[in-house]
N, C-alpha and C. Protein backbone atom coordinates (compact mmCIF):
# COMPACT_ATOMS: atom_id res chain seq x y z
N MET A 1 10.62 -199.63 -154.93
CA MET A 1 10.30 -198.45 -155.67
C MET A 1 11.15 -197.26 -155.21
N ALA A 2 11.26 -197.07 -153.87
CA ALA A 2 12.04 -195.95 -153.35
C ALA A 2 13.50 -196.09 -153.73
N ALA A 3 14.02 -197.30 -153.77
CA ALA A 3 15.41 -197.52 -154.15
C ALA A 3 15.63 -197.12 -155.59
N LYS A 4 14.63 -197.34 -156.45
CA LYS A 4 14.75 -196.98 -157.85
C LYS A 4 14.82 -195.45 -158.01
N VAL A 5 14.00 -194.72 -157.24
CA VAL A 5 14.01 -193.26 -157.30
C VAL A 5 15.35 -192.72 -156.82
N VAL A 6 15.88 -193.27 -155.73
CA VAL A 6 17.17 -192.83 -155.21
C VAL A 6 18.26 -193.10 -156.23
N LYS A 7 18.20 -194.25 -156.91
CA LYS A 7 19.21 -194.59 -157.92
C LYS A 7 19.16 -193.63 -159.09
N GLU A 8 17.92 -193.23 -159.52
CA GLU A 8 17.79 -192.29 -160.63
C GLU A 8 18.32 -190.91 -160.24
N ILE A 9 18.08 -190.49 -159.01
CA ILE A 9 18.59 -189.18 -158.56
C ILE A 9 20.11 -189.21 -158.50
N ASP A 10 20.68 -190.32 -158.05
CA ASP A 10 22.13 -190.43 -157.98
C ASP A 10 22.77 -190.40 -159.36
N GLU A 11 22.03 -190.85 -160.38
CA GLU A 11 22.58 -190.89 -161.73
C GLU A 11 22.60 -189.52 -162.40
N ILE A 12 21.82 -188.56 -161.88
CA ILE A 12 21.83 -187.21 -162.45
C ILE A 12 23.17 -186.57 -162.10
N SER A 13 23.83 -186.04 -163.11
CA SER A 13 25.16 -185.47 -162.88
C SER A 13 25.07 -184.16 -162.11
N LYS A 14 26.13 -183.83 -161.43
CA LYS A 14 26.19 -182.57 -160.66
C LYS A 14 26.10 -181.37 -161.59
N ASN A 15 26.65 -181.47 -162.81
CA ASN A 15 26.57 -180.37 -163.77
C ASN A 15 25.13 -180.08 -164.16
N THR A 16 24.34 -181.12 -164.35
CA THR A 16 22.94 -180.94 -164.70
C THR A 16 22.19 -180.25 -163.56
N LEU A 17 22.44 -180.67 -162.33
CA LEU A 17 21.80 -180.04 -161.18
C LEU A 17 22.23 -178.58 -161.05
N LEU A 18 23.49 -178.30 -161.27
CA LEU A 18 24.01 -176.94 -161.19
C LEU A 18 23.35 -176.05 -162.25
N LYS A 19 23.25 -176.55 -163.49
CA LYS A 19 22.61 -175.78 -164.56
C LYS A 19 21.14 -175.51 -164.23
N PHE A 20 20.45 -176.53 -163.76
CA PHE A 20 19.03 -176.37 -163.41
C PHE A 20 18.87 -175.34 -162.29
N GLY A 21 19.74 -175.39 -161.29
CA GLY A 21 19.68 -174.44 -160.18
C GLY A 21 19.95 -173.02 -160.62
N LEU A 22 20.96 -172.82 -161.48
CA LEU A 22 21.29 -171.47 -161.97
C LEU A 22 20.16 -170.90 -162.82
N ILE A 23 19.58 -171.73 -163.69
CA ILE A 23 18.49 -171.26 -164.53
C ILE A 23 17.29 -170.87 -163.67
N THR A 24 17.01 -171.65 -162.65
CA THR A 24 15.90 -171.33 -161.75
C THR A 24 16.13 -170.01 -161.03
N ILE A 25 17.34 -169.78 -160.55
CA ILE A 25 17.66 -168.53 -159.85
C ILE A 25 17.56 -167.33 -160.80
N VAL A 26 18.07 -167.47 -162.02
CA VAL A 26 18.01 -166.36 -162.99
C VAL A 26 16.57 -166.02 -163.33
N ILE A 27 15.74 -167.02 -163.54
CA ILE A 27 14.32 -166.78 -163.85
C ILE A 27 13.64 -166.09 -162.67
N PHE A 28 13.91 -166.53 -161.46
CA PHE A 28 13.33 -165.91 -160.27
C PHE A 28 13.73 -164.44 -160.17
N LEU A 29 15.03 -164.15 -160.34
CA LEU A 29 15.51 -162.76 -160.25
C LEU A 29 14.91 -161.89 -161.35
N LEU A 30 14.78 -162.43 -162.54
CA LEU A 30 14.19 -161.69 -163.65
C LEU A 30 12.76 -161.28 -163.33
N PHE A 31 11.95 -162.22 -162.86
CA PHE A 31 10.57 -161.90 -162.50
C PHE A 31 10.53 -160.91 -161.33
N PHE A 32 11.40 -161.07 -160.38
CA PHE A 32 11.43 -160.18 -159.22
C PHE A 32 11.70 -158.74 -159.64
N PHE A 33 12.73 -158.51 -160.49
CA PHE A 33 13.07 -157.15 -160.90
C PHE A 33 12.02 -156.56 -161.82
N LEU A 34 11.43 -157.35 -162.69
CA LEU A 34 10.37 -156.84 -163.55
C LEU A 34 9.16 -156.43 -162.72
N PHE A 35 8.78 -157.23 -161.75
CA PHE A 35 7.64 -156.93 -160.90
C PHE A 35 7.91 -155.69 -160.05
N THR A 36 9.12 -155.59 -159.48
CA THR A 36 9.47 -154.45 -158.64
C THR A 36 9.49 -153.16 -159.45
N LYS A 37 10.08 -153.15 -160.62
CA LYS A 37 10.16 -151.95 -161.46
C LYS A 37 8.77 -151.49 -161.85
N THR A 38 7.89 -152.41 -162.23
CA THR A 38 6.54 -152.05 -162.61
C THR A 38 5.80 -151.39 -161.46
N ASN A 39 5.93 -151.93 -160.26
CA ASN A 39 5.25 -151.35 -159.10
C ASN A 39 5.79 -149.97 -158.78
N LEU A 40 7.10 -149.76 -158.89
CA LEU A 40 7.68 -148.45 -158.61
C LEU A 40 7.13 -147.40 -159.56
N ASP A 41 7.07 -147.71 -160.85
CA ASP A 41 6.59 -146.75 -161.82
C ASP A 41 5.11 -146.44 -161.65
N LYS A 42 4.30 -147.43 -161.28
CA LYS A 42 2.87 -147.22 -161.12
C LYS A 42 2.56 -146.43 -159.86
N ASN A 43 3.33 -146.61 -158.81
CA ASN A 43 3.02 -145.99 -157.52
C ASN A 43 3.72 -144.66 -157.29
N ASN A 44 4.38 -144.12 -158.29
CA ASN A 44 5.13 -142.88 -158.11
C ASN A 44 4.79 -141.87 -159.18
N PHE A 45 4.94 -140.60 -158.82
CA PHE A 45 4.85 -139.51 -159.79
C PHE A 45 6.26 -139.24 -160.30
N SER A 46 6.37 -138.86 -161.55
CA SER A 46 7.66 -138.43 -162.06
C SER A 46 7.79 -136.93 -161.84
N PHE A 47 9.01 -136.48 -161.63
CA PHE A 47 9.23 -135.04 -161.47
C PHE A 47 10.40 -134.60 -162.32
N GLN A 48 10.42 -133.29 -162.59
CA GLN A 48 11.49 -132.69 -163.38
C GLN A 48 11.78 -131.32 -162.81
N ALA A 49 13.06 -130.96 -162.81
CA ALA A 49 13.48 -129.63 -162.35
C ALA A 49 14.76 -129.25 -163.08
N THR A 50 14.99 -127.96 -163.21
CA THR A 50 16.19 -127.46 -163.89
C THR A 50 17.01 -126.64 -162.91
N PHE A 51 18.32 -126.90 -162.88
CA PHE A 51 19.25 -126.21 -161.99
C PHE A 51 20.39 -125.62 -162.80
N ASN A 52 21.11 -124.65 -162.20
CA ASN A 52 22.31 -124.11 -162.82
C ASN A 52 23.49 -125.05 -162.58
N THR A 53 23.56 -125.64 -161.39
CA THR A 53 24.64 -126.55 -161.05
C THR A 53 24.12 -127.59 -160.05
N VAL A 54 24.65 -128.80 -160.14
CA VAL A 54 24.21 -129.88 -159.24
C VAL A 54 25.42 -130.59 -158.64
N ASN A 55 26.42 -129.83 -158.25
CA ASN A 55 27.66 -130.41 -157.71
C ASN A 55 27.39 -131.50 -156.69
N GLY A 56 27.85 -132.72 -156.97
CA GLY A 56 27.76 -133.81 -156.01
C GLY A 56 26.47 -134.60 -156.03
N LEU A 57 25.45 -134.13 -156.73
CA LEU A 57 24.21 -134.88 -156.82
C LEU A 57 24.38 -135.98 -157.86
N SER A 58 23.79 -137.13 -157.64
CA SER A 58 23.93 -138.24 -158.59
C SER A 58 22.61 -138.98 -158.74
N GLU A 59 22.56 -139.85 -159.73
CA GLU A 59 21.39 -140.70 -159.88
C GLU A 59 21.27 -141.56 -158.63
N LYS A 60 20.07 -141.82 -158.23
CA LYS A 60 19.74 -142.55 -157.00
C LYS A 60 19.88 -141.68 -155.75
N SER A 61 20.20 -140.39 -155.89
CA SER A 61 20.20 -139.49 -154.73
C SER A 61 18.77 -139.40 -154.21
N THR A 62 18.63 -139.26 -152.91
CA THR A 62 17.30 -139.28 -152.31
C THR A 62 16.61 -137.92 -152.41
N VAL A 63 15.28 -137.97 -152.33
CA VAL A 63 14.44 -136.78 -152.29
C VAL A 63 13.72 -136.81 -150.94
N LEU A 64 13.88 -135.74 -150.17
CA LEU A 64 13.25 -135.65 -148.85
C LEU A 64 12.13 -134.61 -148.85
N TYR A 65 11.11 -134.88 -148.05
CA TYR A 65 10.01 -133.95 -147.84
C TYR A 65 9.71 -133.97 -146.35
N ALA A 66 9.93 -132.87 -145.67
CA ALA A 66 9.77 -132.78 -144.22
C ALA A 66 10.66 -133.80 -143.51
N GLY A 67 11.84 -134.05 -144.07
CA GLY A 67 12.80 -134.96 -143.45
C GLY A 67 12.56 -136.42 -143.71
N ILE A 68 11.53 -136.74 -144.51
CA ILE A 68 11.19 -138.13 -144.80
C ILE A 68 11.54 -138.42 -146.26
N GLU A 69 12.16 -139.57 -146.51
CA GLU A 69 12.51 -139.95 -147.87
C GLU A 69 11.25 -140.29 -148.65
N VAL A 70 11.02 -139.56 -149.75
CA VAL A 70 9.81 -139.76 -150.54
C VAL A 70 10.10 -140.11 -152.00
N GLY A 71 11.37 -140.13 -152.40
CA GLY A 71 11.69 -140.43 -153.79
C GLY A 71 13.17 -140.46 -154.03
N TYR A 72 13.52 -140.49 -155.33
CA TYR A 72 14.93 -140.53 -155.70
C TYR A 72 15.11 -139.99 -157.12
N VAL A 73 16.35 -139.64 -157.45
CA VAL A 73 16.71 -139.11 -158.77
C VAL A 73 16.93 -140.28 -159.72
N THR A 74 16.34 -140.19 -160.92
CA THR A 74 16.52 -141.26 -161.90
C THR A 74 17.46 -140.86 -163.04
N GLN A 75 17.54 -139.55 -163.34
CA GLN A 75 18.36 -139.13 -164.47
C GLN A 75 18.85 -137.70 -164.28
N ILE A 76 20.08 -137.45 -164.70
CA ILE A 76 20.65 -136.10 -164.70
C ILE A 76 21.14 -135.82 -166.11
N THR A 77 20.67 -134.71 -166.70
CA THR A 77 20.98 -134.41 -168.10
C THR A 77 21.50 -132.99 -168.23
N LEU A 78 22.59 -132.81 -168.96
CA LEU A 78 23.12 -131.48 -169.27
C LEU A 78 22.38 -130.95 -170.48
N LEU A 79 21.80 -129.76 -170.35
CA LEU A 79 21.04 -129.15 -171.45
C LEU A 79 21.95 -128.27 -172.29
N GLU A 80 21.44 -127.85 -173.45
CA GLU A 80 22.22 -127.03 -174.38
C GLU A 80 22.61 -125.68 -173.81
N ASN A 81 21.80 -125.11 -172.92
CA ASN A 81 22.07 -123.80 -172.35
C ASN A 81 22.93 -123.89 -171.08
N ASN A 82 23.65 -125.00 -170.90
CA ASN A 82 24.52 -125.27 -169.75
C ASN A 82 23.76 -125.36 -168.43
N LYS A 83 22.48 -125.58 -168.50
CA LYS A 83 21.69 -125.88 -167.32
C LYS A 83 21.63 -127.39 -167.17
N VAL A 84 21.18 -127.85 -166.01
CA VAL A 84 21.10 -129.28 -165.74
C VAL A 84 19.66 -129.64 -165.40
N ARG A 85 19.14 -130.67 -166.08
CA ARG A 85 17.79 -131.14 -165.80
C ARG A 85 17.86 -132.41 -164.96
N ILE A 86 17.06 -132.43 -163.91
CA ILE A 86 16.96 -133.58 -163.01
C ILE A 86 15.60 -134.23 -163.21
N ASN A 87 15.57 -135.52 -163.40
CA ASN A 87 14.33 -136.28 -163.45
C ASN A 87 14.35 -137.28 -162.31
N GLY A 88 13.17 -137.59 -161.79
CA GLY A 88 13.11 -138.55 -160.70
C GLY A 88 11.70 -139.02 -160.43
N LEU A 89 11.55 -139.78 -159.36
CA LEU A 89 10.26 -140.32 -158.96
C LEU A 89 9.98 -139.94 -157.51
N ILE A 90 8.69 -139.64 -157.24
CA ILE A 90 8.22 -139.30 -155.89
C ILE A 90 6.99 -140.15 -155.62
N LYS A 91 6.87 -140.64 -154.39
CA LYS A 91 5.70 -141.43 -154.01
C LYS A 91 4.42 -140.63 -154.27
N ASN A 92 3.43 -141.29 -154.85
CA ASN A 92 2.22 -140.56 -155.24
C ASN A 92 1.31 -140.19 -154.07
N GLU A 93 1.50 -140.79 -152.89
CA GLU A 93 0.63 -140.45 -151.77
C GLU A 93 1.08 -139.18 -151.04
N ILE A 94 2.14 -138.55 -151.52
CA ILE A 94 2.66 -137.33 -150.90
C ILE A 94 2.06 -136.12 -151.63
N PRO A 95 1.18 -135.33 -150.98
CA PRO A 95 0.63 -134.14 -151.64
C PRO A 95 1.67 -133.01 -151.62
N ILE A 96 2.02 -132.53 -152.81
CA ILE A 96 3.05 -131.49 -152.93
C ILE A 96 2.43 -130.25 -153.55
N PRO A 97 2.50 -129.10 -152.85
CA PRO A 97 1.99 -127.85 -153.43
C PRO A 97 2.76 -127.46 -154.69
N SER A 98 2.07 -126.87 -155.65
CA SER A 98 2.69 -126.57 -156.94
C SER A 98 3.71 -125.44 -156.87
N ASP A 99 3.73 -124.65 -155.79
CA ASP A 99 4.73 -123.60 -155.66
C ASP A 99 5.89 -124.02 -154.74
N SER A 100 6.05 -125.31 -154.53
CA SER A 100 7.14 -125.81 -153.68
C SER A 100 8.49 -125.56 -154.34
N ILE A 101 9.52 -125.47 -153.50
CA ILE A 101 10.88 -125.24 -153.97
C ILE A 101 11.65 -126.55 -153.84
N LEU A 102 12.34 -126.94 -154.91
CA LEU A 102 13.20 -128.12 -154.88
C LEU A 102 14.63 -127.61 -154.74
N GLN A 103 15.27 -127.96 -153.63
CA GLN A 103 16.62 -127.46 -153.39
C GLN A 103 17.59 -128.62 -153.18
N ILE A 104 18.83 -128.38 -153.55
CA ILE A 104 19.90 -129.36 -153.34
C ILE A 104 20.57 -129.03 -152.02
N ASN A 105 20.60 -129.99 -151.12
CA ASN A 105 21.21 -129.81 -149.81
C ASN A 105 22.31 -130.82 -149.60
N THR A 106 23.11 -130.58 -148.57
CA THR A 106 24.18 -131.50 -148.20
C THR A 106 23.93 -132.01 -146.80
N ASP A 107 24.15 -133.30 -146.60
CA ASP A 107 24.01 -133.90 -145.28
C ASP A 107 25.28 -133.57 -144.49
N GLY A 108 25.22 -132.53 -143.67
CA GLY A 108 26.40 -132.06 -142.95
C GLY A 108 27.24 -131.17 -143.85
N ILE A 109 28.47 -130.90 -143.43
CA ILE A 109 29.34 -130.01 -144.22
C ILE A 109 29.88 -130.71 -145.46
N PHE A 110 30.34 -131.94 -145.32
CA PHE A 110 30.94 -132.66 -146.44
C PHE A 110 30.19 -133.94 -146.77
N GLY A 111 28.91 -134.04 -146.41
CA GLY A 111 28.13 -135.26 -146.61
C GLY A 111 27.60 -135.39 -148.02
N LYS A 112 26.73 -136.39 -148.20
CA LYS A 112 26.11 -136.66 -149.48
C LYS A 112 25.10 -135.57 -149.83
N LYS A 113 24.93 -135.34 -151.12
CA LYS A 113 23.93 -134.39 -151.60
C LYS A 113 22.58 -135.10 -151.73
N TYR A 114 21.52 -134.35 -151.50
CA TYR A 114 20.18 -134.87 -151.66
C TYR A 114 19.26 -133.73 -152.07
N LEU A 115 18.09 -134.06 -152.58
CA LEU A 115 17.10 -133.05 -152.92
C LEU A 115 16.12 -132.90 -151.77
N ASN A 116 15.75 -131.66 -151.48
CA ASN A 116 14.80 -131.38 -150.41
C ASN A 116 13.66 -130.57 -151.00
N ILE A 117 12.43 -130.99 -150.70
CA ILE A 117 11.26 -130.26 -151.16
C ILE A 117 10.80 -129.34 -150.03
N VAL A 118 10.83 -128.04 -150.28
CA VAL A 118 10.34 -127.06 -149.32
C VAL A 118 8.91 -126.73 -149.76
N PRO A 119 7.91 -127.14 -148.97
CA PRO A 119 6.52 -126.98 -149.41
C PRO A 119 6.10 -125.53 -149.49
N GLY A 120 5.26 -125.26 -150.48
CA GLY A 120 4.68 -123.94 -150.64
C GLY A 120 3.27 -123.93 -150.07
N TYR A 121 2.44 -123.00 -150.57
CA TYR A 121 1.09 -122.82 -150.03
C TYR A 121 0.02 -122.87 -151.11
N ASP A 122 0.40 -123.20 -152.32
CA ASP A 122 -0.52 -123.20 -153.44
C ASP A 122 -1.30 -124.53 -153.50
N GLU A 123 -2.09 -124.70 -154.53
CA GLU A 123 -2.81 -125.96 -154.76
C GLU A 123 -1.80 -127.08 -154.99
N TYR A 124 -2.23 -128.31 -154.73
CA TYR A 124 -1.35 -129.47 -154.91
C TYR A 124 -1.24 -129.84 -156.39
N PHE A 125 -0.09 -130.43 -156.75
CA PHE A 125 0.07 -130.98 -158.09
C PHE A 125 -0.98 -132.07 -158.28
N VAL A 126 -1.63 -132.09 -159.43
CA VAL A 126 -2.61 -133.13 -159.71
C VAL A 126 -2.14 -134.07 -160.82
N SER A 127 -1.17 -133.65 -161.59
CA SER A 127 -0.65 -134.45 -162.69
C SER A 127 0.38 -135.45 -162.18
N LYS A 128 0.55 -136.54 -162.92
CA LYS A 128 1.59 -137.51 -162.58
C LYS A 128 2.97 -137.01 -163.01
N ASP A 129 3.02 -135.93 -163.79
CA ASP A 129 4.28 -135.35 -164.24
C ASP A 129 4.45 -133.99 -163.57
N ILE A 130 5.25 -133.96 -162.52
CA ILE A 130 5.46 -132.74 -161.74
C ILE A 130 6.65 -131.98 -162.31
N VAL A 131 6.49 -130.69 -162.54
CA VAL A 131 7.60 -129.83 -162.97
C VAL A 131 7.77 -128.75 -161.91
N PHE A 132 8.90 -128.79 -161.22
CA PHE A 132 9.19 -127.78 -160.20
C PHE A 132 9.66 -126.50 -160.90
N LYS A 133 8.92 -125.40 -160.69
CA LYS A 133 9.29 -124.11 -161.28
C LYS A 133 10.38 -123.43 -160.48
N TYR A 134 10.40 -123.68 -159.17
CA TYR A 134 11.33 -123.00 -158.28
C TYR A 134 12.37 -123.98 -157.77
N THR A 135 13.64 -123.65 -157.99
CA THR A 135 14.73 -124.51 -157.55
C THR A 135 15.80 -123.68 -156.85
N SER A 136 16.59 -124.34 -156.05
CA SER A 136 17.71 -123.70 -155.37
C SER A 136 18.94 -124.56 -155.60
N ASP A 137 19.98 -123.97 -156.18
CA ASP A 137 21.17 -124.72 -156.59
C ASP A 137 22.01 -125.20 -155.42
N SER A 138 22.94 -126.07 -155.75
CA SER A 138 23.90 -126.60 -154.80
C SER A 138 25.09 -125.64 -154.71
N TYR A 139 25.48 -125.33 -153.49
CA TYR A 139 26.65 -124.48 -153.29
C TYR A 139 27.69 -125.26 -152.51
N THR A 140 28.91 -125.26 -153.02
CA THR A 140 29.99 -125.98 -152.36
C THR A 140 30.81 -125.02 -151.52
N MET A 141 31.65 -125.58 -150.67
CA MET A 141 32.55 -124.75 -149.85
C MET A 141 33.48 -123.93 -150.74
N ASP A 142 33.91 -124.50 -151.87
CA ASP A 142 34.78 -123.80 -152.80
C ASP A 142 34.07 -122.56 -153.35
N TYR A 143 32.81 -122.72 -153.73
CA TYR A 143 32.03 -121.60 -154.26
C TYR A 143 31.88 -120.51 -153.20
N LEU A 144 31.54 -120.89 -151.99
CA LEU A 144 31.38 -119.90 -150.92
C LEU A 144 32.69 -119.18 -150.60
N ALA A 145 33.80 -119.90 -150.65
CA ALA A 145 35.10 -119.27 -150.41
C ALA A 145 35.41 -118.24 -151.48
N ARG A 146 35.08 -118.55 -152.75
CA ARG A 146 35.31 -117.59 -153.83
C ARG A 146 34.43 -116.35 -153.68
N VAL A 147 33.17 -116.54 -153.27
CA VAL A 147 32.28 -115.40 -153.06
C VAL A 147 32.80 -114.51 -151.94
N LEU A 148 33.23 -115.12 -150.84
CA LEU A 148 33.80 -114.35 -149.73
C LEU A 148 35.06 -113.61 -150.16
N GLU A 149 35.91 -114.26 -150.94
CA GLU A 149 37.13 -113.61 -151.41
C GLU A 149 36.80 -112.40 -152.28
N ASN A 150 35.82 -112.55 -153.18
CA ASN A 150 35.41 -111.43 -154.03
C ASN A 150 34.85 -110.28 -153.20
N ASN A 151 34.05 -110.57 -152.18
CA ASN A 151 33.50 -109.53 -151.33
C ASN A 151 34.59 -108.80 -150.56
N ILE A 152 35.57 -109.53 -150.07
CA ILE A 152 36.69 -108.90 -149.33
C ILE A 152 37.49 -108.02 -150.26
N ASN A 153 37.76 -108.51 -151.48
CA ASN A 153 38.54 -107.73 -152.45
C ASN A 153 37.81 -106.47 -152.88
N GLU A 154 36.47 -106.53 -152.99
CA GLU A 154 35.69 -105.35 -153.37
C GLU A 154 35.73 -104.28 -152.29
N LYS A 155 35.76 -104.70 -151.02
CA LYS A 155 35.79 -103.75 -149.90
C LYS A 155 37.15 -103.06 -149.80
N ASN A 156 38.20 -103.73 -150.23
CA ASN A 156 39.56 -103.14 -150.13
C ASN A 156 39.81 -102.27 -151.29
């Protein structure tokens, strides 16, 4: 009996085994990503904020609160009034006061950009859709150099 089973396995072509293996892996990955995405959306609050400029910020940029990563940016959209809207997700177990400031910071002088939540003192957001009223834009070295140049020229 065992010899018959071994003979049948040997008769299966390598192409058939390869196809079966690839299909199994694709199905596994599909279920994994669907399950992971569903959990992320259920366990997080969405947030929105509007900035004048977001130099260097990108989708998947991190959101920090007290130095701890609590979320990430999901979408960056240019609005009709030349402002930029940022959408993202924040872990729902993080209590955020409604008067908090969302600011764009840089890791070091020339590092990656990230969003930082500076907590306020008001009541906490209770909705799953957080809208930050107070924001602080990203400033680059180029921008600061131009401001300094203008100040020097005004004094002369």
